[in-house]
N, C-alpha and C. Protein backbone atom coordinates (compact mmCIF):
# COMPACT_ATOMS: atom_id res chain seq x y z
N MET A 1 60.44 116.71 53.37
CA MET A 1 61.55 116.83 54.06
C MET A 1 61.83 116.86 55.34
N THR A 2 62.24 115.85 55.91
CA THR A 2 61.79 115.24 57.34
C THR A 2 63.68 116.22 58.11
N ALA A 3 62.86 117.28 59.24
CA ALA A 3 64.02 117.80 60.14
C ALA A 3 65.08 116.77 60.29
N ALA A 4 66.12 116.84 60.89
CA ALA A 4 67.18 115.88 61.25
C ALA A 4 66.72 116.25 62.94
N ARG A 5 67.15 114.89 63.67
CA ARG A 5 66.91 114.39 64.87
C ARG A 5 67.65 115.02 65.77
N GLY A 6 66.88 115.65 66.65
CA GLY A 6 68.93 116.53 67.46
C GLY A 6 68.77 114.52 68.16
N ARG A 7 69.77 115.15 69.54
CA ARG A 7 70.52 113.99 70.26
C ARG A 7 69.16 114.52 71.59
N THR A 8 68.36 113.58 71.93
CA THR A 8 68.11 113.14 73.57
C THR A 8 68.53 112.27 74.34
N GLY A 9 67.92 112.56 75.24
CA GLY A 9 68.67 111.91 76.84
C GLY A 9 69.08 112.55 77.54
N ARG A 10 69.82 112.35 78.56
CA ARG A 10 70.74 112.97 79.48
C ARG A 10 71.95 113.56 78.09
N PRO A 11 72.57 114.48 79.28
CA PRO A 11 74.18 114.57 77.71
C PRO A 11 74.93 113.89 78.83
N PRO A 12 75.91 113.19 78.18
CA PRO A 12 77.05 112.37 78.92
C PRO A 12 77.43 113.11 79.66
N LEU A 13 78.73 112.13 80.94
CA LEU A 13 79.16 112.54 82.15
C LEU A 13 80.11 113.03 81.47
N THR A 14 80.86 114.36 82.24
CA THR A 14 82.02 114.77 81.70
C THR A 14 83.36 113.54 82.57
N GLU A 15 84.25 113.50 82.86
CA GLU A 15 85.57 113.00 83.23
C GLU A 15 85.59 113.40 84.45
N GLU A 16 85.25 114.46 84.85
CA GLU A 16 85.41 114.91 86.33
C GLU A 16 84.31 114.50 86.94
N ARG A 17 83.31 114.58 86.99
CA ARG A 17 82.12 113.96 86.96
C ARG A 17 81.90 112.06 87.24
N LYS A 18 82.85 111.71 86.27
CA LYS A 18 82.61 110.46 86.34
C LYS A 18 83.81 109.64 87.70
N ALA A 19 84.66 110.25 87.70
CA ALA A 19 85.57 110.68 89.27
C ALA A 19 85.11 110.59 90.29
N ALA A 20 84.21 112.10 90.83
CA ALA A 20 83.67 112.30 91.30
C ALA A 20 82.70 111.22 92.42
N ILE A 21 81.52 110.74 90.59
CA ILE A 21 81.22 109.38 91.77
C ILE A 21 81.46 108.06 91.78
N ARG A 22 83.18 107.90 91.14
CA ARG A 22 83.46 106.96 91.67
C ARG A 22 83.99 106.93 92.99
N LEU A 23 84.42 108.31 93.56
CA LEU A 23 85.06 108.43 94.97
C LEU A 23 83.97 108.68 95.93
N GLU A 24 82.74 108.55 95.98
CA GLU A 24 81.99 108.66 96.05
C GLU A 24 80.92 107.25 96.68
N ILE A 25 81.30 106.11 95.71
CA ILE A 25 81.10 104.80 95.36
C ILE A 25 82.28 104.56 96.50
N ALA A 26 83.47 105.01 96.24
CA ALA A 26 84.25 104.53 97.32
C ALA A 26 84.25 104.41 98.57
N ARG A 27 83.75 105.85 98.95
CA ARG A 27 83.34 106.36 100.33
C ARG A 27 82.26 105.24 101.08
N ALA A 28 80.95 105.07 100.62
CA ALA A 28 80.10 104.26 100.47
C ALA A 28 80.35 103.34 100.84
N ALA A 29 81.35 102.11 99.99
CA ALA A 29 82.01 101.29 100.35
C ALA A 29 82.81 100.99 101.59
N VAL A 30 83.46 101.83 101.53
CA VAL A 30 84.34 101.94 102.84
C VAL A 30 83.45 101.85 104.21
N ASP A 31 82.07 102.30 104.29
CA ASP A 31 82.21 102.87 105.29
C ASP A 31 81.01 101.87 105.60
N LEU A 32 80.28 100.75 104.93
CA LEU A 32 80.02 100.02 104.71
C LEU A 32 80.55 98.66 105.09
N PHE A 33 81.83 98.56 104.86
CA PHE A 33 82.78 97.38 104.69
C PHE A 33 83.35 97.79 106.35
N VAL A 34 83.82 98.58 106.81
CA VAL A 34 83.62 98.74 108.10
C VAL A 34 82.65 98.03 109.39
N ALA A 35 81.31 99.29 108.71
CA ALA A 35 80.12 98.61 109.52
C ALA A 35 79.47 97.62 109.62
N GLN A 36 79.81 96.64 108.72
CA GLN A 36 79.31 95.22 108.82
C GLN A 36 79.90 94.24 108.02
N GLY A 37 81.67 94.74 107.59
CA GLY A 37 82.62 93.58 107.02
C GLY A 37 81.87 93.36 105.58
N VAL A 38 82.64 92.94 104.68
CA VAL A 38 83.00 92.95 103.12
C VAL A 38 81.63 91.52 103.09
N ASP A 39 81.92 91.04 103.51
CA ASP A 39 80.90 89.72 102.94
C ASP A 39 79.41 89.94 103.37
N ALA A 40 79.12 90.76 104.08
CA ALA A 40 77.71 91.60 104.32
C ALA A 40 77.21 92.31 103.23
N THR A 41 78.67 93.29 102.67
CA THR A 41 77.95 94.03 102.19
C THR A 41 77.59 93.47 100.38
N THR A 42 76.27 94.41 100.34
CA THR A 42 76.21 94.19 98.45
C THR A 42 76.41 95.21 98.01
N GLY A 43 76.64 94.97 96.35
CA GLY A 43 76.48 96.13 95.28
C GLY A 43 75.13 96.97 95.81
N GLU A 44 73.74 96.58 95.90
CA GLU A 44 72.62 97.00 95.92
C GLU A 44 73.28 98.07 97.36
N GLN A 45 73.29 97.55 98.02
CA GLN A 45 73.48 98.96 99.35
C GLN A 45 74.44 99.55 99.18
N ILE A 46 75.61 99.54 98.26
CA ILE A 46 77.04 100.75 98.16
C ILE A 46 75.87 101.38 97.60
N GLY A 47 75.28 101.08 95.93
CA GLY A 47 74.55 102.18 95.17
C GLY A 47 73.11 102.51 96.15
N GLN A 48 73.02 102.35 97.00
CA GLN A 48 71.64 103.08 97.88
C GLN A 48 72.06 104.07 98.64
N ALA A 49 73.28 103.77 99.04
CA ALA A 49 74.32 104.58 100.33
C ALA A 49 74.41 106.34 99.15
N VAL A 50 74.73 105.72 97.80
CA VAL A 50 75.24 107.27 96.98
C VAL A 50 74.31 107.69 96.07
N GLY A 51 72.85 107.01 96.06
CA GLY A 51 71.95 107.10 95.25
C GLY A 51 71.97 106.71 94.15
N VAL A 52 72.43 105.87 93.89
CA VAL A 52 72.83 105.21 92.32
C VAL A 52 72.19 103.74 92.20
N SER A 53 71.77 102.49 91.35
CA SER A 53 71.67 102.19 90.96
C SER A 53 72.65 100.74 91.04
N ALA A 54 72.32 99.54 91.21
CA ALA A 54 74.22 98.25 91.26
C ALA A 54 73.87 98.37 90.14
N ARG A 55 73.14 98.95 89.11
CA ARG A 55 74.04 98.58 88.14
C ARG A 55 75.05 99.50 87.28
N THR A 56 74.95 100.75 88.32
CA THR A 56 75.58 101.88 87.85
C THR A 56 77.21 101.57 88.10
N VAL A 57 77.02 101.08 89.71
CA VAL A 57 77.97 100.41 90.45
C VAL A 57 78.81 99.58 90.01
N TRP A 58 78.64 98.59 89.48
CA TRP A 58 78.88 97.75 88.19
C TRP A 58 79.47 98.06 87.30
N ARG A 59 78.95 99.34 87.05
CA ARG A 59 79.52 100.46 85.37
C ARG A 59 80.70 100.79 85.66
N TYR A 60 81.13 101.08 86.87
CA TYR A 60 82.08 102.17 87.07
C TYR A 60 83.39 100.62 87.82
N PHE A 61 82.98 99.83 88.89
CA PHE A 61 83.90 98.65 89.34
C PHE A 61 83.58 97.13 88.96
N PRO A 62 85.03 96.27 88.45
CA PRO A 62 83.86 94.93 88.43
C PRO A 62 83.34 94.13 89.95
N THR A 63 83.57 94.42 90.32
CA THR A 63 83.71 93.97 91.69
C THR A 63 83.51 94.87 92.87
N LYS A 64 83.04 94.69 94.19
CA LYS A 64 82.14 95.36 95.69
C LYS A 64 83.69 95.76 96.04
N GLU A 65 84.84 94.91 96.23
CA GLU A 65 85.93 95.26 96.11
C GLU A 65 86.63 96.55 95.43
N SER A 66 86.71 95.87 94.43
CA SER A 66 87.35 96.94 93.97
C SER A 66 86.90 98.54 94.05
N CYS A 67 85.68 98.55 94.34
CA CYS A 67 85.17 100.03 95.03
C CYS A 67 85.89 100.67 95.42
N VAL A 68 86.76 100.44 96.02
CA VAL A 68 87.68 101.14 97.03
C VAL A 68 88.78 101.75 96.03
N ARG A 69 89.01 100.99 95.19
CA ARG A 69 90.58 101.79 94.83
C ARG A 69 90.46 103.21 94.28
N PRO A 70 89.63 104.37 94.41
CA PRO A 70 89.65 105.24 93.89
C PRO A 70 90.63 106.02 95.58
N LEU A 71 90.78 105.54 96.49
CA LEU A 71 91.03 105.61 97.88
C LEU A 71 92.19 105.28 97.37
N PHE A 72 92.54 104.41 97.53
CA PHE A 72 93.68 103.62 97.65
C PHE A 72 95.49 104.32 96.46
N SER A 73 94.53 105.10 95.65
CA SER A 73 94.89 105.09 94.77
C SER A 73 95.16 107.18 94.87
N THR A 74 94.52 107.27 95.34
CA THR A 74 94.98 108.81 96.04
C THR A 74 96.77 109.10 96.27
N GLY A 75 96.98 110.44 94.76
CA GLY A 75 98.53 110.68 95.33
C GLY A 75 99.44 109.98 94.05
N VAL A 76 99.09 108.99 93.07
CA VAL A 76 99.70 108.71 92.52
C VAL A 76 100.29 109.30 92.07
N ASP A 77 99.50 110.23 90.80
CA ASP A 77 99.85 111.01 89.85
C ASP A 77 100.97 112.46 90.54
N ALA A 78 100.31 112.73 91.74
CA ALA A 78 100.79 114.09 92.42
C ALA A 78 102.64 113.74 92.98
N ILE A 79 102.83 112.18 93.13
CA ILE A 79 103.75 112.14 93.68
C ILE A 79 104.82 111.43 92.41
N ALA A 80 104.44 110.73 91.37
CA ALA A 80 104.37 110.99 89.92
C ALA A 80 105.62 112.47 90.04
N THR A 81 104.84 113.44 89.94
CA THR A 81 104.79 114.59 89.18
C THR A 81 106.29 115.29 90.64
N ALA A 82 106.25 115.05 91.55
CA ALA A 82 107.25 115.38 92.56
C ALA A 82 108.48 114.76 91.97
N LEU A 83 108.63 113.50 91.61
CA LEU A 83 110.07 112.45 91.62
C LEU A 83 110.62 113.51 90.01
N ARG A 84 109.27 113.80 89.46
CA ARG A 84 110.40 114.69 87.99
C ARG A 84 110.83 115.70 87.91
N GLU A 85 110.29 117.03 89.27
CA GLU A 85 110.74 117.87 89.59
C GLU A 85 112.05 117.81 90.83
N TRP A 86 112.12 117.00 91.26
CA TRP A 86 113.10 116.68 92.53
C TRP A 86 113.90 117.34 91.75
N ARG A 87 114.61 118.18 92.74
CA ARG A 87 115.75 118.43 92.06
C ARG A 87 117.08 117.51 92.55
N PRO A 88 118.67 117.91 91.51
CA PRO A 88 119.10 117.34 91.65
C PRO A 88 120.18 117.38 92.97
N GLY A 89 120.72 116.60 93.57
CA GLY A 89 121.43 117.20 95.01
C GLY A 89 120.66 117.28 96.02
N ARG A 90 119.72 117.56 96.29
CA ARG A 90 118.40 117.48 97.21
C ARG A 90 118.09 116.35 97.57
N PRO A 91 117.64 115.95 99.10
CA PRO A 91 117.78 114.68 99.62
C PRO A 91 115.49 114.53 99.36
N LEU A 92 115.72 113.00 99.04
CA LEU A 92 114.52 112.53 98.63
C LEU A 92 113.48 112.99 98.93
N GLN A 93 113.53 113.71 100.59
CA GLN A 93 112.49 113.87 101.66
C GLN A 93 111.66 115.58 100.30
N ASP A 94 112.99 116.35 100.35
CA ASP A 94 112.52 117.51 100.07
C ASP A 94 111.48 117.73 98.63
N ALA A 95 111.63 116.51 97.18
CA ALA A 95 110.62 116.32 96.90
C ALA A 95 109.27 116.35 97.49
N PHE A 96 109.06 115.71 98.19
CA PHE A 96 107.35 115.75 98.88
C PHE A 96 107.12 116.88 99.99
N ASP A 97 107.89 117.58 99.74
CA ASP A 97 107.65 118.93 101.35
C ASP A 97 106.07 119.60 100.81
N HIS A 98 106.09 119.50 99.75
CA HIS A 98 104.93 120.78 99.38
C HIS A 98 103.81 119.59 99.39
N LEU A 99 103.97 118.33 99.49
CA LEU A 99 102.80 117.71 99.27
C LEU A 99 102.38 117.14 100.74
N TRP A 100 103.02 117.21 101.37
CA TRP A 100 103.22 117.10 102.83
C TRP A 100 102.25 118.36 103.43
N ALA A 101 102.04 119.70 102.48
CA ALA A 101 102.13 120.81 102.89
C ALA A 101 100.44 120.74 102.57
N THR A 102 100.08 120.14 101.54
CA THR A 102 98.95 120.58 100.67
C THR A 102 98.08 119.23 100.71
N ASP A 103 98.33 118.23 101.69
CA ASP A 103 97.66 116.77 101.51
C ASP A 103 97.60 116.19 100.06
N ALA A 104 98.37 116.62 99.50
CA ALA A 104 97.80 116.22 97.90
C ALA A 104 98.17 114.98 97.63
N ALA A 105 99.05 114.00 99.27
CA ALA A 105 99.50 112.63 98.70
C ALA A 105 99.48 112.02 99.94
N LEU A 106 98.86 112.66 100.49
CA LEU A 106 98.28 111.72 102.05
C LEU A 106 96.67 111.32 102.14
N PRO A 107 97.02 109.60 102.58
CA PRO A 107 95.35 109.07 102.74
C PRO A 107 94.65 109.68 103.61
N GLY A 108 93.28 109.60 103.23
CA GLY A 108 92.22 110.10 104.76
C GLY A 108 92.56 109.10 105.44
N PRO A 109 91.21 109.37 106.26
CA PRO A 109 91.26 108.59 107.51
C PRO A 109 90.64 107.59 106.67
N ASP A 110 89.24 107.83 105.92
CA ASP A 110 88.94 106.53 105.61
C ASP A 110 90.06 104.99 105.37
N VAL A 111 91.15 106.00 104.60
CA VAL A 111 91.85 104.72 104.01
C VAL A 111 92.95 103.93 105.16
N GLY A 112 92.70 104.99 106.34
CA GLY A 112 93.32 103.87 107.63
C GLY A 112 92.42 102.78 108.01
N ALA A 113 91.35 102.95 108.06
CA ALA A 113 89.95 101.78 108.14
C ALA A 113 90.02 101.09 107.68
N LEU A 114 90.34 101.22 106.41
CA LEU A 114 90.19 100.66 104.86
C LEU A 114 91.15 99.16 104.70
N LEU A 115 92.75 100.13 105.75
CA LEU A 115 93.67 99.43 104.88
C LEU A 115 93.86 98.34 106.59
N ARG A 116 93.17 98.66 107.47
CA ARG A 116 93.00 97.92 108.37
C ARG A 116 92.32 96.65 108.01
N LEU A 117 91.31 96.57 107.40
CA LEU A 117 90.84 95.49 107.01
C LEU A 117 91.44 94.88 105.64
N THR A 118 92.10 95.40 105.22
CA THR A 118 92.75 94.60 104.01
C THR A 118 93.76 93.05 105.42
N ARG A 119 93.92 93.19 106.14
CA ARG A 119 94.74 92.44 107.23
C ARG A 119 94.11 90.95 107.50
N THR A 120 92.81 90.85 106.96
CA THR A 120 91.94 89.99 107.10
C THR A 120 91.16 89.65 105.98
N GLU A 121 90.88 90.95 105.16
CA GLU A 121 90.16 90.93 103.66
C GLU A 121 90.90 90.59 102.38
N PRO A 122 91.36 89.53 102.19
CA PRO A 122 92.10 89.31 100.86
C PRO A 122 91.78 90.03 99.90
N GLY A 123 90.46 90.35 99.63
CA GLY A 123 89.98 90.91 98.13
C GLY A 123 90.15 91.88 98.20
N LEU A 124 90.39 92.97 99.15
CA LEU A 124 90.45 94.27 99.42
C LEU A 124 92.67 94.09 99.95
N ARG A 125 92.91 93.79 100.08
CA ARG A 125 94.60 93.70 100.33
C ARG A 125 95.00 93.21 98.91
N ALA A 126 94.17 92.56 97.57
CA ALA A 126 94.43 91.99 96.48
C ALA A 126 94.53 93.07 95.71
N VAL A 127 93.09 94.08 95.97
CA VAL A 127 93.09 95.51 95.39
C VAL A 127 94.61 96.68 95.71
N TRP A 128 94.27 96.52 96.69
CA TRP A 128 95.49 97.14 97.51
C TRP A 128 96.99 96.82 96.60
N LEU A 129 97.46 95.70 96.79
CA LEU A 129 98.74 95.58 95.96
C LEU A 129 98.51 95.85 95.05
N GLN A 130 97.34 95.41 94.00
CA GLN A 130 97.51 96.19 92.60
C GLN A 130 97.87 97.42 92.88
N THR A 131 97.01 98.37 93.08
CA THR A 131 97.26 99.66 92.73
C THR A 131 98.57 100.16 93.01
N HIS A 132 99.31 99.40 94.10
CA HIS A 132 100.37 99.58 94.05
C HIS A 132 101.69 99.07 92.63
N ASP A 133 100.60 98.28 92.55
CA ASP A 133 101.65 97.30 91.55
C ASP A 133 101.76 97.91 90.16
N GLU A 134 100.64 98.62 90.01
CA GLU A 134 100.37 99.60 88.63
C GLU A 134 101.19 101.37 89.05
N ALA A 135 100.98 101.61 90.12
CA ALA A 135 101.46 102.77 90.47
C ALA A 135 103.13 102.64 90.05
N GLU A 136 103.95 101.80 90.27
CA GLU A 136 105.43 101.29 90.28
C GLU A 136 105.93 101.90 88.94
N PRO A 137 105.17 101.58 87.68
CA PRO A 137 105.70 102.14 86.45
C PRO A 137 105.95 103.39 86.38
N ALA A 138 104.90 104.20 86.88
CA ALA A 138 104.74 105.78 86.85
C ALA A 138 105.53 106.27 87.19
N PHE A 139 106.43 105.87 88.62
CA PHE A 139 107.27 106.05 89.45
C PHE A 139 108.61 106.25 88.77
N ALA A 140 109.20 104.92 87.76
CA ALA A 140 110.19 104.47 87.12
C ALA A 140 109.57 105.68 85.83
N ARG A 141 108.84 105.78 85.71
CA ARG A 141 109.03 106.65 83.63
C ARG A 141 109.63 108.39 84.69
N ALA A 142 109.16 108.59 85.68
CA ALA A 142 109.47 110.09 86.36
C ALA A 142 111.11 110.09 86.87
N LEU A 143 111.38 108.79 87.67
CA LEU A 143 112.67 108.88 87.76
C LEU A 143 113.69 108.72 86.77
N ALA A 144 113.34 107.78 85.61
CA ALA A 144 114.52 107.96 84.41
C ALA A 144 114.31 108.79 83.61
N GLU A 145 113.13 110.10 83.69
CA GLU A 145 112.89 111.54 83.54
C GLU A 145 114.06 112.39 84.05
N ARG A 146 113.98 112.42 85.10
CA ARG A 146 114.60 113.21 86.16
C ARG A 146 116.10 112.83 86.02
N ALA A 147 116.71 111.49 85.67
CA ALA A 147 117.73 111.46 85.46
C ALA A 147 118.48 111.32 84.34
N GLY A 148 117.51 111.81 83.26
CA GLY A 148 117.71 111.13 81.77
C GLY A 148 118.29 109.99 81.44
N LEU A 149 117.68 109.49 81.78
CA LEU A 149 117.91 107.54 81.83
C LEU A 149 116.91 107.10 80.75
N PRO A 150 116.93 106.12 79.65
CA PRO A 150 116.29 105.40 78.58
C PRO A 150 115.17 105.03 79.63
N SER A 151 114.04 104.53 79.25
CA SER A 151 112.98 104.37 79.76
C SER A 151 113.53 102.71 80.51
N ASP A 152 114.12 101.80 79.27
CA ASP A 152 114.17 100.83 80.09
C ASP A 152 115.07 100.62 80.41
N ASP A 153 115.85 101.92 81.13
CA ASP A 153 117.02 101.17 81.84
C ASP A 153 116.54 100.49 83.40
N VAL A 154 117.66 100.03 84.06
CA VAL A 154 116.82 99.15 85.38
C VAL A 154 116.76 99.90 86.66
N ARG A 155 117.53 100.88 86.35
CA ARG A 155 118.49 101.89 87.66
C ARG A 155 117.15 102.37 87.81
N PRO A 156 115.70 103.20 87.02
CA PRO A 156 115.18 103.33 87.51
C PRO A 156 113.84 102.78 88.52
N ALA A 157 114.31 101.77 88.03
CA ALA A 157 113.16 100.93 88.24
C ALA A 157 113.19 100.01 89.46
N VAL A 158 114.68 99.94 89.81
CA VAL A 158 115.05 99.17 90.85
C VAL A 158 114.50 100.25 91.99
N ARG A 159 114.78 101.78 91.84
CA ARG A 159 114.64 103.14 92.59
C ARG A 159 113.30 102.91 92.97
N ALA A 160 112.22 102.77 91.66
CA ALA A 160 111.04 102.97 91.89
C ALA A 160 110.19 101.93 92.42
N ALA A 161 110.83 100.49 92.56
CA ALA A 161 110.47 99.26 93.48
C ALA A 161 110.58 100.00 94.74
N MET A 162 111.93 100.44 95.25
CA MET A 162 111.96 100.16 96.60
C MET A 162 111.12 101.90 97.22
N LEU A 163 110.86 103.12 96.44
CA LEU A 163 110.58 104.06 97.22
C LEU A 163 108.95 103.53 97.23
N ASN A 164 108.03 102.96 96.34
CA ASN A 164 106.95 102.25 96.07
C ASN A 164 106.56 101.32 97.53
N ALA A 165 107.52 100.99 97.97
CA ALA A 165 107.65 99.35 98.52
C ALA A 165 107.72 100.44 100.28
N ALA A 166 108.14 101.39 100.28
CA ALA A 166 108.71 102.56 101.41
C ALA A 166 107.42 103.06 101.62
N LEU A 167 106.81 103.92 100.87
CA LEU A 167 105.17 104.06 100.80
C LEU A 167 104.10 103.60 101.34
N ARG A 168 104.08 102.15 100.62
CA ARG A 168 103.26 101.16 100.86
C ARG A 168 103.33 100.20 102.44
N VAL A 169 104.50 100.18 103.68
CA VAL A 169 104.96 99.92 104.20
C VAL A 169 104.64 100.78 105.17
N ALA A 170 104.90 102.00 105.14
CA ALA A 170 104.43 103.38 106.10
C ALA A 170 103.34 103.69 105.99
N VAL A 171 102.48 103.43 105.45
CA VAL A 171 100.70 103.79 105.42
C VAL A 171 100.54 102.54 105.74
N GLU A 172 100.90 101.40 105.52
CA GLU A 172 100.16 100.11 106.36
C GLU A 172 101.19 99.78 107.60
N HIS A 173 101.86 100.64 108.12
CA HIS A 173 102.59 100.95 109.81
C HIS A 173 101.49 102.09 110.58
N HIS A 174 101.70 103.03 109.71
CA HIS A 174 100.72 103.53 110.42
C HIS A 174 99.34 103.56 110.24
N ALA A 175 98.39 102.90 109.65
CA ALA A 175 97.26 102.80 110.22
C ALA A 175 96.89 101.16 110.95
N ALA A 176 97.68 100.61 110.98
CA ALA A 176 97.89 99.61 112.02
C ALA A 176 98.13 100.20 113.49
N ARG A 177 98.51 101.40 113.82
CA ARG A 177 98.90 101.67 114.97
C ARG A 177 97.92 103.26 114.92
N SER A 178 96.84 103.59 114.40
CA SER A 178 96.16 104.52 114.53
C SER A 178 94.39 103.72 114.20
N THR A 179 94.28 103.30 115.66
CA THR A 179 93.34 102.39 116.04
C THR A 179 91.98 103.41 116.40
N ASP A 180 92.49 103.96 117.19
CA ASP A 180 91.36 105.19 118.54
C ASP A 180 90.68 106.14 117.06
N PRO A 181 89.72 105.96 116.96
CA PRO A 181 88.79 107.01 116.10
C PRO A 181 88.88 108.13 117.10
N GLY A 182 88.82 108.55 118.54
CA GLY A 182 88.81 109.67 119.30
C GLY A 182 90.07 110.70 118.89
N THR A 183 90.90 110.00 118.37
CA THR A 183 92.48 110.58 118.23
C THR A 183 92.21 112.18 117.60
N ASP A 184 92.79 113.25 117.93
CA ASP A 184 92.99 114.59 117.44
C ASP A 184 93.18 114.45 115.66
N PRO A 185 92.43 114.67 114.54
CA PRO A 185 93.48 114.15 113.21
C PRO A 185 94.39 114.94 112.99
N ALA A 186 94.69 116.23 113.64
CA ALA A 186 96.09 116.54 113.05
C ALA A 186 97.22 115.82 113.69
N THR A 187 96.59 115.48 115.34
CA THR A 187 97.79 114.39 115.40
C THR A 187 98.10 112.54 114.68
N VAL A 188 97.18 112.29 114.01
CA VAL A 188 96.98 111.36 113.37
C VAL A 188 97.92 111.77 111.68
N ARG A 189 97.60 113.02 111.34
CA ARG A 189 98.26 113.63 110.14
C ARG A 189 99.89 113.14 110.32
N ALA A 190 100.09 114.19 112.03
CA ALA A 190 101.68 114.58 111.73
C ALA A 190 102.20 112.78 112.43
N ASP A 191 101.46 112.31 112.77
CA ASP A 191 101.99 110.72 112.93
C ASP A 191 102.23 110.04 111.56
N LEU A 192 101.36 110.38 110.74
CA LEU A 192 101.05 109.87 109.23
C LEU A 192 102.53 110.91 108.48
N GLU A 193 102.86 111.92 108.22
CA GLU A 193 103.59 112.54 107.88
C GLU A 193 104.92 112.11 108.67
N ALA A 194 105.59 112.22 109.63
CA ALA A 194 106.85 111.44 110.45
C ALA A 194 107.08 109.95 110.19
N THR A 195 105.89 108.97 109.56
CA THR A 195 106.50 107.95 109.39
C THR A 195 106.80 107.79 108.18
N LEU A 196 106.09 108.60 107.10
CA LEU A 196 106.44 108.59 105.81
C LEU A 196 107.51 109.56 105.34
N ARG A 197 108.32 110.07 106.17
CA ARG A 197 109.33 110.76 105.97
C ARG A 197 110.15 110.17 106.64
N THR A 198 110.45 108.60 107.92
CA THR A 198 110.99 108.36 107.81
C THR A 198 111.30 107.00 106.94
N ALA A 199 110.05 106.60 106.22
CA ALA A 199 110.54 105.27 104.79
C ALA A 199 111.43 106.07 104.48
N LEU A 200 111.09 107.30 103.74
CA LEU A 200 111.65 107.93 102.59
C LEU A 200 112.97 107.81 103.05
N THR A 201 113.83 108.21 104.25
CA THR A 201 114.89 108.28 104.30
C THR A 201 115.82 107.12 104.31
N VAL A 202 114.81 105.80 104.69
CA VAL A 202 115.38 104.48 105.05
C VAL A 202 115.42 104.04 103.37
N ALA A 203 114.54 104.68 102.35
CA ALA A 203 115.07 104.10 101.26
C ALA A 203 115.87 104.86 100.38
N ALA A 204 115.90 106.28 100.40
CA ALA A 204 116.71 107.13 100.10
C ALA A 204 118.69 106.68 100.32
N ALA A 205 118.79 105.83 101.48
CA ALA A 205 120.07 105.50 102.00
C ALA A 205 120.26 104.22 101.43
N GLY A 206 118.58 103.51 101.08
CA GLY A 206 119.01 102.16 100.22
C GLY A 206 119.73 100.70 101.00
N VAL A 207 120.03 99.76 100.60
CA VAL A 207 120.38 98.40 101.22
C VAL A 207 121.94 98.71 101.47
N THR A 208 122.21 98.67 102.85
CA THR A 208 123.57 98.82 103.86
C THR A 208 124.08 97.70 104.08
């Protein structure tokens, strides 16, 4: 009688470890893109910077530009949760107060450098816009749930589009102005928070 064979090889990666690898690849890609440009950067170089093969890079991302997506999508889930928990009768900014305090929805300094590249790199711009496009339905579902409206109601969809655009424009505006690498990080963070608060105020007021 032959004994049953046990499983050999490396154990499967956990979802947490996969997410960590994706983030490591994203940060390495940003560093290379900023240092030498997107065209000059290869998948092999990105992999070497992280300590993995180019094959592993392509297992996680279809293109080198898409490697940065984990940085672009920072805070989407946290924002959707904040919208669901936003109390009736309170200003929109109140929904995000605890996020500013914990940095849960604030992009890091590497995202600022990356966003400046999106002005001249169409591939990166496409990834940035696609990330926001895919986040919008999550915001709409959260707003519909908060208001007790059906998921196919147009009103939360329009409000989500306005909110999404406000967040995107605010982060782009901040990144375009924050070009001095020697600026104190606390000052940069305060400017980003102020810009986001202003954008949310405008979005909450709607078109007048």
